[in-house]
Amino acid sequence: MYIQGDLQVIFDALYSLGVIEPVLKSDWKKSYEDFHNFEESFSKAVQSVNSCSGDKFRIVESLRNFDFKTLEYIAMEVAREFSDFYSRKVTH
């Protein structure tokens, strides 16, 4: 499942919720080892973000319904998708 729309808007929404800074300082490998405990919540959060049609206010309000750990996984997914996009852009 991928996050749809403008990743920068989603990043900005996560930043305004205070999620980005802790994620940058965290050990992602350890977080991914525990992902299975949050997979359902993560999927619901991705669906929720995708249903906001890129409206930052709606994204922020939607994300407020999820626990902080789920938001961290969303932030890691945004970073991963940014990275994938950038690597495809540079390669081609």
PDB file of N, CA and C in Angstrom:
ATOM      1  N   MET A   1       0.849  -1.174   0.000  1.00  0.00           N
ATOM      2  CA  MET A   1       0.000   0.000   0.000  1.00  0.00           C
ATOM      3  C   MET A   1       0.900   1.245   0.000  1.00  0.00           C
ATOM      4  N   TYR A   2       0.598   2.155  -0.879  1.00  0.00           N
ATOM      5  CA  TYR A   2       1.383   3.381  -0.999  1.00  0.00           C
ATOM      6  C   TYR A   2       0.559   4.596  -0.587  1.00  0.00           C
ATOM      7  N   ILE A   3       1.270   5.581  -0.093  1.00  0.00           N
ATOM      8  CA  ILE A   3       0.643   6.866   0.194  1.00  0.00           C
ATOM      9  C   ILE A   3       0.498   7.591  -1.137  1.00  0.00           C
ATOM     10  N   GLN A   4      -0.673   8.130  -1.381  1.00  0.00           N
ATOM     11  CA  GLN A   4      -0.942   8.808  -2.647  1.00  0.00           C
ATOM     12  C   GLN A   4      -0.911  10.316  -2.444  1.00  0.00           C
ATOM     13  N   GLY A   5      -0.576  11.023  -3.502  1.00  0.00           N
ATOM     14  CA  GLY A   5      -0.615  12.472  -3.462  1.00  0.00           C
ATOM     15  C   GLY A   5       0.744  13.098  -3.216  1.00  0.00           C
ATOM     16  N   ASP A   6       0.715  14.341  -2.848  1.00  0.00           N
ATOM     17  CA  ASP A   6       1.919  15.139  -2.638  1.00  0.00           C
ATOM     18  C   ASP A   6       2.559  14.770  -1.305  1.00  0.00           C
ATOM     19  N   LEU A   7       3.683  14.082  -1.367  1.00  0.00           N
ATOM     20  CA  LEU A   7       4.362  13.639  -0.150  1.00  0.00           C
ATOM     21  C   LEU A   7       4.827  14.818   0.709  1.00  0.00           C
ATOM     22  N   GLN A   8       5.131  15.937   0.078  1.00  0.00           N
ATOM     23  CA  GLN A   8       5.574  17.106   0.842  1.00  0.00           C
ATOM     24  C   GLN A   8       4.458  17.594   1.766  1.00  0.00           C
ATOM     25  N   VAL A   9       3.221  17.575   1.308  1.00  0.00           N
ATOM     26  CA  VAL A   9       2.079  17.991   2.129  1.00  0.00           C
ATOM     27  C   VAL A   9       1.939  17.055   3.329  1.00  0.00           C
ATOM     28  N   ILE A  10       2.104  15.769   3.090  1.00  0.00           N
ATOM     29  CA  ILE A  10       1.991  14.793   4.171  1.00  0.00           C
ATOM     30  C   ILE A  10       3.149  14.960   5.151  1.00  0.00           C
ATOM     31  N   PHE A  11       4.346  15.180   4.632  1.00  0.00           N
ATOM     32  CA  PHE A  11       5.501  15.456   5.488  1.00  0.00           C
ATOM     33  C   PHE A  11       5.228  16.678   6.354  1.00  0.00           C
ATOM     34  N   ASP A  12       4.723  17.732   5.752  1.00  0.00           N
ATOM     35  CA  ASP A  12       4.427  18.963   6.491  1.00  0.00           C
ATOM     36  C   ASP A  12       3.382  18.719   7.579  1.00  0.00           C
ATOM     37  N   ALA A  13       2.385  17.904   7.282  1.00  0.00           N
ATOM     38  CA  ALA A  13       1.357  17.570   8.270  1.00  0.00           C
ATOM     39  C   ALA A  13       1.985  16.816   9.439  1.00  0.00           C
ATOM     40  N   LEU A  14       2.827  15.843   9.132  1.00  0.00           N
ATOM     41  CA  LEU A  14       3.507  15.081  10.184  1.00  0.00           C
ATOM     42  C   LEU A  14       4.436  15.972  10.993  1.00  0.00           C
ATOM     43  N   TYR A  15       5.108  16.880  10.317  1.00  0.00           N
ATOM     44  CA  TYR A  15       6.001  17.811  11.017  1.00  0.00           C
ATOM     45  C   TYR A  15       5.210  18.674  11.998  1.00  0.00           C
ATOM     46  N   SER A  16       4.054  19.154  11.562  1.00  0.00           N
ATOM     47  CA  SER A  16       3.243  20.014  12.432  1.00  0.00           C
ATOM     48  C   SER A  16       2.716  19.249  13.647  1.00  0.00           C
ATOM     49  N   LEU A  17       2.636  17.933  13.532  1.00  0.00           N
ATOM     50  CA  LEU A  17       2.200  17.098  14.656  1.00  0.00           C
ATOM     51  C   LEU A  17       3.369  16.657  15.547  1.00  0.00           C
ATOM     52  N   GLY A  18       4.577  17.083  15.201  1.00  0.00           N
ATOM     53  CA  GLY A  18       5.747  16.759  16.017  1.00  0.00           C
ATOM     54  C   GLY A  18       6.277  15.349  15.816  1.00  0.00           C
ATOM     55  N   VAL A  19       6.010  14.766  14.674  1.00  0.00           N
ATOM     56  CA  VAL A  19       6.401  13.381  14.429  1.00  0.00           C
ATOM     57  C   VAL A  19       7.787  13.276  13.797  1.00  0.00           C
ATOM     58  N   ILE A  20       8.145  14.198  12.962  1.00  0.00           N
ATOM     59  CA  ILE A  20       9.359  14.080  12.148  1.00  0.00           C
ATOM     60  C   ILE A  20      10.634  14.042  12.986  1.00  0.00           C
ATOM     61  N   GLU A  21      10.790  14.951  13.901  1.00  0.00           N
ATOM     62  CA  GLU A  21      12.021  15.031  14.691  1.00  0.00           C
ATOM     63  C   GLU A  21      12.327  13.720  15.431  1.00  0.00           C
ATOM     64  N   PRO A  22      11.365  13.140  16.158  1.00  0.00           N
ATOM     65  CA  PRO A  22      11.655  11.869  16.832  1.00  0.00           C
ATOM     66  C   PRO A  22      11.988  10.732  15.860  1.00  0.00           C
ATOM     67  N   VAL A  23      11.355  10.719  14.700  1.00  0.00           N
ATOM     68  CA  VAL A  23      11.624   9.667  13.722  1.00  0.00           C
ATOM     69  C   VAL A  23      13.046   9.792  13.186  1.00  0.00           C
ATOM     70  N   LEU A  24      13.500  11.011  12.978  1.00  0.00           N
ATOM     71  CA  LEU A  24      14.865  11.212  12.490  1.00  0.00           C
ATOM     72  C   LEU A  24      15.900  10.722  13.493  1.00  0.00           C
ATOM     73  N   LYS A  25      15.547  10.729  14.751  1.00  0.00           N
ATOM     74  CA  LYS A  25      16.473  10.320  15.807  1.00  0.00           C
ATOM     75  C   LYS A  25      16.328   8.846  16.200  1.00  0.00           C
ATOM     76  N   SER A  26      15.349   8.165  15.635  1.00  0.00           N
ATOM     77  CA  SER A  26      15.069   6.792  16.061  1.00  0.00           C
ATOM     78  C   SER A  26      15.856   5.761  15.261  1.00  0.00           C
ATOM     79  N   ASP A  27      15.887   4.550  15.788  1.00  0.00           N
ATOM     80  CA  ASP A  27      16.507   3.407  15.129  1.00  0.00           C
ATOM     81  C   ASP A  27      15.430   2.726  14.289  1.00  0.00           C
ATOM     82  N   TRP A  28      15.445   2.961  12.994  1.00  0.00           N
ATOM     83  CA  TRP A  28      14.391   2.452  12.110  1.00  0.00           C
ATOM     84  C   TRP A  28      14.399   0.929  12.054  1.00  0.00           C
ATOM     85  N   LYS A  29      15.557   0.330  12.143  1.00  0.00           N
ATOM     86  CA  LYS A  29      15.633  -1.131  12.094  1.00  0.00           C
ATOM     87  C   LYS A  29      14.823  -1.730  13.240  1.00  0.00           C
ATOM     88  N   LYS A  30      14.986  -1.199  14.419  1.00  0.00           N
ATOM     89  CA  LYS A  30      14.240  -1.694  15.576  1.00  0.00           C
ATOM     90  C   LYS A  30      12.740  -1.456  15.394  1.00  0.00           C
ATOM     91  N   SER A  31      12.383  -0.302  14.871  1.00  0.00           N
ATOM     92  CA  SER A  31      10.971   0.008  14.636  1.00  0.00           C
ATOM     93  C   SER A  31      10.353  -0.968  13.650  1.00  0.00           C
ATOM     94  N   TYR A  32      11.074  -1.300  12.584  1.00  0.00           N
ATOM     95  CA  TYR A  32      10.535  -2.225  11.583  1.00  0.00           C
ATOM     96  C   TYR A  32      10.374  -3.637  12.142  1.00  0.00           C
ATOM     97  N   GLU A  33      11.193  -4.000  13.120  1.00  0.00           N
ATOM     98  CA  GLU A  33      11.047  -5.311  13.745  1.00  0.00           C
ATOM     99  C   GLU A  33       9.713  -5.429  14.482  1.00  0.00           C
ATOM    100  N   ASP A  34       9.167  -4.308  14.921  1.00  0.00           N
ATOM    101  CA  ASP A  34       7.920  -4.285  15.679  1.00  0.00           C
ATOM    102  C   ASP A  34       6.716  -3.906  14.810  1.00  0.00           C
ATOM    103  N   PHE A  35       6.943  -3.747  13.510  1.00  0.00           N
ATOM    104  CA  PHE A  35       5.907  -3.252  12.607  1.00  0.00           C
ATOM    105  C   PHE A  35       4.651  -4.114  12.606  1.00  0.00           C
ATOM    106  N   HIS A  36       4.809  -5.432  12.710  1.00  0.00           N
ATOM    107  CA  HIS A  36       3.647  -6.324  12.628  1.00  0.00           C
ATOM    108  C   HIS A  36       2.582  -5.983  13.679  1.00  0.00           C
ATOM    109  N   ASN A  37       2.993  -5.392  14.791  1.00  0.00           N
ATOM    110  CA  ASN A  37       2.034  -4.991  15.834  1.00  0.00           C
ATOM    111  C   ASN A  37       1.211  -3.764  15.436  1.00  0.00           C
ATOM    112  N   PHE A  38       1.650  -3.059  14.415  1.00  0.00           N
ATOM    113  CA  PHE A  38       0.994  -1.813  14.006  1.00  0.00           C
ATOM    114  C   PHE A  38       0.516  -1.845  12.562  1.00  0.00           C
ATOM    115  N   GLU A  39       0.632  -2.986  11.933  1.00  0.00           N
ATOM    116  CA  GLU A  39       0.327  -3.084  10.507  1.00  0.00           C
ATOM    117  C   GLU A  39      -1.118  -2.694  10.186  1.00  0.00           C
ATOM    118  N   GLU A  40      -2.061  -3.148  10.983  1.00  0.00           N
ATOM    119  CA  GLU A  40      -3.464  -2.811  10.726  1.00  0.00           C
ATOM    120  C   GLU A  40      -3.709  -1.314  10.903  1.00  0.00           C
ATOM    121  N   SER A  41      -3.170  -0.760  11.969  1.00  0.00           N
ATOM    122  CA  SER A  41      -3.323   0.670  12.213  1.00  0.00           C
ATOM    123  C   SER A  41      -2.629   1.487  11.124  1.00  0.00           C
ATOM    124  N   PHE A  42      -1.463   1.033  10.687  1.00  0.00           N
ATOM    125  CA  PHE A  42      -0.736   1.693   9.614  1.00  0.00           C
ATOM    126  C   PHE A  42      -1.577   1.718   8.332  1.00  0.00           C
ATOM    127  N   SER A  43      -2.166   0.580   7.984  1.00  0.00           N
ATOM    128  CA  SER A  43      -2.994   0.509   6.772  1.00  0.00           C
ATOM    129  C   SER A  43      -4.178   1.464   6.853  1.00  0.00           C
ATOM    130  N   LYS A  44      -4.803   1.519   8.023  1.00  0.00           N
ATOM    131  CA  LYS A  44      -5.926   2.443   8.212  1.00  0.00           C
ATOM    132  C   LYS A  44      -5.460   3.894   8.093  1.00  0.00           C
ATOM    133  N   ALA A  45      -4.279   4.191   8.616  1.00  0.00           N
ATOM    134  CA  ALA A  45      -3.748   5.554   8.544  1.00  0.00           C
ATOM    135  C   ALA A  45      -3.435   5.938   7.095  1.00  0.00           C
ATOM    136  N   VAL A  46      -2.856   5.019   6.337  1.00  0.00           N
ATOM    137  CA  VAL A  46      -2.567   5.291   4.920  1.00  0.00           C
ATOM    138  C   VAL A  46      -3.873   5.543   4.166  1.00  0.00           C
ATOM    139  N   GLN A  47      -4.865   4.712   4.395  1.00  0.00           N
ATOM    140  CA  GLN A  47      -6.170   4.910   3.746  1.00  0.00           C
ATOM    141  C   GLN A  47      -6.772   6.257   4.136  1.00  0.00           C
ATOM    142  N   SER A  48      -6.628   6.614   5.398  1.00  0.00           N
ATOM    143  CA  SER A  48      -7.166   7.874   5.882  1.00  0.00           C
ATOM    144  C   SER A  48      -6.475   9.061   5.207  1.00  0.00           C
ATOM    145  N   VAL A  49      -5.145   9.007   5.137  1.00  0.00           N
ATOM    146  CA  VAL A  49      -4.383  10.073   4.474  1.00  0.00           C
ATOM    147  C   VAL A  49      -4.764  10.155   3.010  1.00  0.00           C
ATOM    148  N   ASN A  50      -4.861   9.008   2.351  1.00  0.00           N
ATOM    149  CA  ASN A  50      -5.198   8.992   0.922  1.00  0.00           C
ATOM    150  C   ASN A  50      -6.589   9.549   0.650  1.00  0.00           C
ATOM    151  N   SER A  51      -7.477   9.444   1.609  1.00  0.00           N
ATOM    152  CA  SER A  51      -8.844   9.938   1.412  1.00  0.00           C
ATOM    153  C   SER A  51      -8.954  11.458   1.584  1.00  0.00           C
ATOM    154  N   CYS A  52      -7.877  12.112   1.986  1.00  0.00           N
ATOM    155  CA  CYS A  52      -7.909  13.559   2.252  1.00  0.00           C
ATOM    156  C   CYS A  52      -7.638  14.407   1.020  1.00  0.00           C
ATOM    157  N   SER A  53      -7.376  13.796  -0.100  1.00  0.00           N
ATOM    158  CA  SER A  53      -7.172  14.505  -1.372  1.00  0.00           C
ATOM    159  C   SER A  53      -6.126  15.615  -1.296  1.00  0.00           C
ATOM    160  N   GLY A  54      -5.073  15.385  -0.507  1.00  0.00           N
ATOM    161  CA  GLY A  54      -3.981  16.346  -0.442  1.00  0.00           C
ATOM    162  C   GLY A  54      -4.235  17.589   0.378  1.00  0.00           C
ATOM    163  N   ASP A  55      -5.351  17.661   1.075  1.00  0.00           N
ATOM    164  CA  ASP A  55      -5.690  18.812   1.918  1.00  0.00           C
ATOM    165  C   ASP A  55      -4.958  18.683   3.252  1.00  0.00           C
ATOM    166  N   LYS A  56      -3.960  19.543   3.454  1.00  0.00           N
ATOM    167  CA  LYS A  56      -3.115  19.433   4.647  1.00  0.00           C
ATOM    168  C   LYS A  56      -3.935  19.493   5.937  1.00  0.00           C
ATOM    169  N   PHE A  57      -4.906  20.374   6.011  1.00  0.00           N
ATOM    170  CA  PHE A  57      -5.727  20.484   7.223  1.00  0.00           C
ATOM    171  C   PHE A  57      -6.453  19.167   7.490  1.00  0.00           C
ATOM    172  N   ARG A  58      -7.037  18.600   6.462  1.00  0.00           N
ATOM    173  CA  ARG A  58      -7.739  17.315   6.628  1.00  0.00           C
ATOM    174  C   ARG A  58      -6.772  16.201   7.000  1.00  0.00           C
ATOM    175  N   ILE A  59      -5.578  16.213   6.421  1.00  0.00           N
ATOM    176  CA  ILE A  59      -4.574  15.192   6.750  1.00  0.00           C
ATOM    177  C   ILE A  59      -4.199  15.285   8.216  1.00  0.00           C
ATOM    178  N   VAL A  60      -3.930  16.504   8.697  1.00  0.00           N
ATOM    179  CA  VAL A  60      -3.573  16.693  10.110  1.00  0.00           C
ATOM    180  C   VAL A  60      -4.697  16.185  11.002  1.00  0.00           C
ATOM    181  N   GLU A  61      -5.915  16.580  10.705  1.00  0.00           N
ATOM    182  CA  GLU A  61      -7.056  16.147  11.520  1.00  0.00           C
ATOM    183  C   GLU A  61      -7.230  14.632  11.480  1.00  0.00           C
ATOM    184  N   SER A  62      -7.015  14.054  10.329  1.00  0.00           N
ATOM    185  CA  SER A  62      -7.128  12.609  10.178  1.00  0.00           C
ATOM    186  C   SER A  62      -6.059  11.884  10.997  1.00  0.00           C
ATOM    187  N   LEU A  63      -4.826  12.373  10.912  1.00  0.00           N
ATOM    188  CA  LEU A  63      -3.718  11.723  11.608  1.00  0.00           C
ATOM    189  C   LEU A  63      -3.825  11.846  13.131  1.00  0.00           C
ATOM    190  N   ARG A  64      -4.516  12.854  13.608  1.00  0.00           N
ATOM    191  CA  ARG A  64      -4.707  13.013  15.061  1.00  0.00           C
ATOM    192  C   ARG A  64      -5.450  11.822  15.673  1.00  0.00           C
ATOM    193  N   ASN A  65      -6.114  11.031  14.852  1.00  0.00           N
ATOM    194  CA  ASN A  65      -6.874   9.880  15.343  1.00  0.00           C
ATOM    195  C   ASN A  65      -6.010   8.643  15.577  1.00  0.00           C
ATOM    196  N   PHE A  66      -4.736   8.734  15.258  1.00  0.00           N
ATOM    197  CA  PHE A  66      -3.853   7.570  15.361  1.00  0.00           C
ATOM    198  C   PHE A  66      -2.808   7.773  16.452  1.00  0.00           C
ATOM    199  N   ASP A  67      -2.346   6.649  17.007  1.00  0.00           N
ATOM    200  CA  ASP A  67      -1.322   6.709  18.056  1.00  0.00           C
ATOM    201  C   ASP A  67       0.016   7.147  17.451  1.00  0.00           C
ATOM    202  N   PHE A  68       0.898   7.600  18.312  1.00  0.00           N
ATOM    203  CA  PHE A  68       2.166   8.165  17.860  1.00  0.00           C
ATOM    204  C   PHE A  68       3.009   7.138  17.107  1.00  0.00           C
ATOM    205  N   LYS A  69       3.001   5.896  17.536  1.00  0.00           N
ATOM    206  CA  LYS A  69       3.808   4.865  16.871  1.00  0.00           C
ATOM    207  C   LYS A  69       3.346   4.672  15.425  1.00  0.00           C
ATOM    208  N   THR A  70       2.041   4.672  15.215  1.00  0.00           N
ATOM    209  CA  THR A  70       1.517   4.557  13.849  1.00  0.00           C
ATOM    210  C   THR A  70       1.963   5.750  13.023  1.00  0.00           C
ATOM    211  N   LEU A  71       1.946   6.937  13.611  1.00  0.00           N
ATOM    212  CA  LEU A  71       2.398   8.134  12.900  1.00  0.00           C
ATOM    213  C   LEU A  71       3.876   8.034  12.542  1.00  0.00           C
ATOM    214  N   GLU A  72       4.668   7.432  13.421  1.00  0.00           N
ATOM    215  CA  GLU A  72       6.081   7.225  13.106  1.00  0.00           C
ATOM    216  C   GLU A  72       6.231   6.336  11.864  1.00  0.00           C
ATOM    217  N   TYR A  73       5.416   5.280  11.778  1.00  0.00           N
ATOM    218  CA  TYR A  73       5.483   4.407  10.599  1.00  0.00           C
ATOM    219  C   TYR A  73       5.046   5.153   9.336  1.00  0.00           C
ATOM    220  N   ILE A  74       4.065   6.019   9.462  1.00  0.00           N
ATOM    221  CA  ILE A  74       3.650   6.838   8.313  1.00  0.00           C
ATOM    222  C   ILE A  74       4.815   7.731   7.890  1.00  0.00           C
ATOM    223  N   ALA A  75       5.490   8.343   8.842  1.00  0.00           N
ATOM    224  CA  ALA A  75       6.634   9.208   8.531  1.00  0.00           C
ATOM    225  C   ALA A  75       7.755   8.417   7.856  1.00  0.00           C
ATOM    226  N   MET A  76       8.009   7.208   8.329  1.00  0.00           N
ATOM    227  CA  MET A  76       9.038   6.373   7.704  1.00  0.00           C
ATOM    228  C   MET A  76       8.631   5.992   6.281  1.00  0.00           C
ATOM    229  N   GLU A  77       7.343   5.744   6.073  1.00  0.00           N
ATOM    230  CA  GLU A  77       6.852   5.413   4.734  1.00  0.00           C
ATOM    231  C   GLU A  77       6.987   6.619   3.805  1.00  0.00           C
ATOM    232  N   VAL A  78       6.683   7.800   4.284  1.00  0.00           N
ATOM    233  CA  VAL A  78       6.853   9.017   3.473  1.00  0.00           C
ATOM    234  C   VAL A  78       8.324   9.152   3.076  1.00  0.00           C
ATOM    235  N   ALA A  79       9.223   8.949   4.029  1.00  0.00           N
ATOM    236  CA  ALA A  79      10.657   9.040   3.735  1.00  0.00           C
ATOM    237  C   ALA A  79      11.075   7.987   2.707  1.00  0.00           C
ATOM    238  N   ARG A  80      10.564   6.774   2.866  1.00  0.00           N
ATOM    239  CA  ARG A  80      10.902   5.692   1.939  1.00  0.00           C
ATOM    240  C   ARG A  80      10.401   6.021   0.527  1.00  0.00           C
ATOM    241  N   GLU A  81       9.173   6.529   0.442  1.00  0.00           N
ATOM    242  CA  GLU A  81       8.609   6.864  -0.872  1.00  0.00           C
ATOM    243  C   GLU A  81       9.341   8.050  -1.501  1.00  0.00           C
ATOM    244  N   PHE A  82       9.714   9.044  -0.685  1.00  0.00           N
ATOM    245  CA  PHE A  82      10.531  10.152  -1.192  1.00  0.00           C
ATOM    246  C   PHE A  82      11.826   9.603  -1.783  1.00  0.00           C
ATOM    247  N   SER A  83      12.449   8.706  -1.040  1.00  0.00           N
ATOM    248  CA  SER A  83      13.717   8.122  -1.470  1.00  0.00           C
ATOM    249  C   SER A  83      13.550   7.330  -2.766  1.00  0.00           C
ATOM    250  N   ASP A  84      12.502   6.516  -2.839  1.00  0.00           N
ATOM    251  CA  ASP A  84      12.241   5.748  -4.062  1.00  0.00           C
ATOM    252  C   ASP A  84      12.025   6.674  -5.252  1.00  0.00           C
ATOM    253  N   PHE A  85      11.232   7.711  -5.052  1.00  0.00           N
ATOM    254  CA  PHE A  85      10.954   8.661  -6.119  1.00  0.00           C
ATOM    255  C   PHE A  85      12.243   9.330  -6.578  1.00  0.00           C
ATOM    256  N   TYR A  86      13.049   9.794  -5.617  1.00  0.00           N
ATOM    257  CA  TYR A  86      14.288  10.483  -5.957  1.00  0.00           C
ATOM    258  C   TYR A  86      15.256   9.558  -6.691  1.00  0.00           C
ATOM    259  N   SER A  87      15.348   8.316  -6.232  1.00  0.00           N
ATOM    260  CA  SER A  87      16.290   7.394  -6.887  1.00  0.00           C
ATOM    261  C   SER A  87      15.849   7.073  -8.316  1.00  0.00           C
ATOM    262  N   ARG A  88      14.546   6.968  -8.549  1.00  0.00           N
ATOM    263  CA  ARG A  88      14.060   6.753  -9.913  1.00  0.00           C
ATOM    264  C   ARG A  88      14.322   7.977 -10.781  1.00  0.00           C
ATOM    265  N   LYS A  89      14.138   9.150 -10.207  1.00  0.00           N
ATOM    266  CA  LYS A  89      14.326  10.391 -10.949  1.00  0.00           C
ATOM    267  C   LYS A  89      15.796  10.572 -11.343  1.00  0.00           C
ATOM    268  N   VAL A  90      16.717  10.255 -10.437  1.00  0.00           N
ATOM    269  CA  VAL A  90      18.137  10.412 -10.704  1.00  0.00           C
ATOM    270  C   VAL A  90      18.618   9.341 -11.676  1.00  0.00           C
ATOM    271  N   THR A  91      18.104   8.130 -11.547  1.00  0.00           N
ATOM    272  CA  THR A  91      18.526   7.024 -12.387  1.00  0.00           C
ATOM    273  C   THR A  91      18.079   7.201 -13.825  1.00  0.00           C
ATOM    274  N   HIS A  92      16.897   7.784 -14.023  1.00  0.00           N
ATOM    275  CA  HIS A  92      16.349   7.874 -15.385  1.00  0.00           C
ATOM    276  C   HIS A  92      16.539   9.251 -15.872  1.00  0.00           C
TER     277      HIS A  92
END
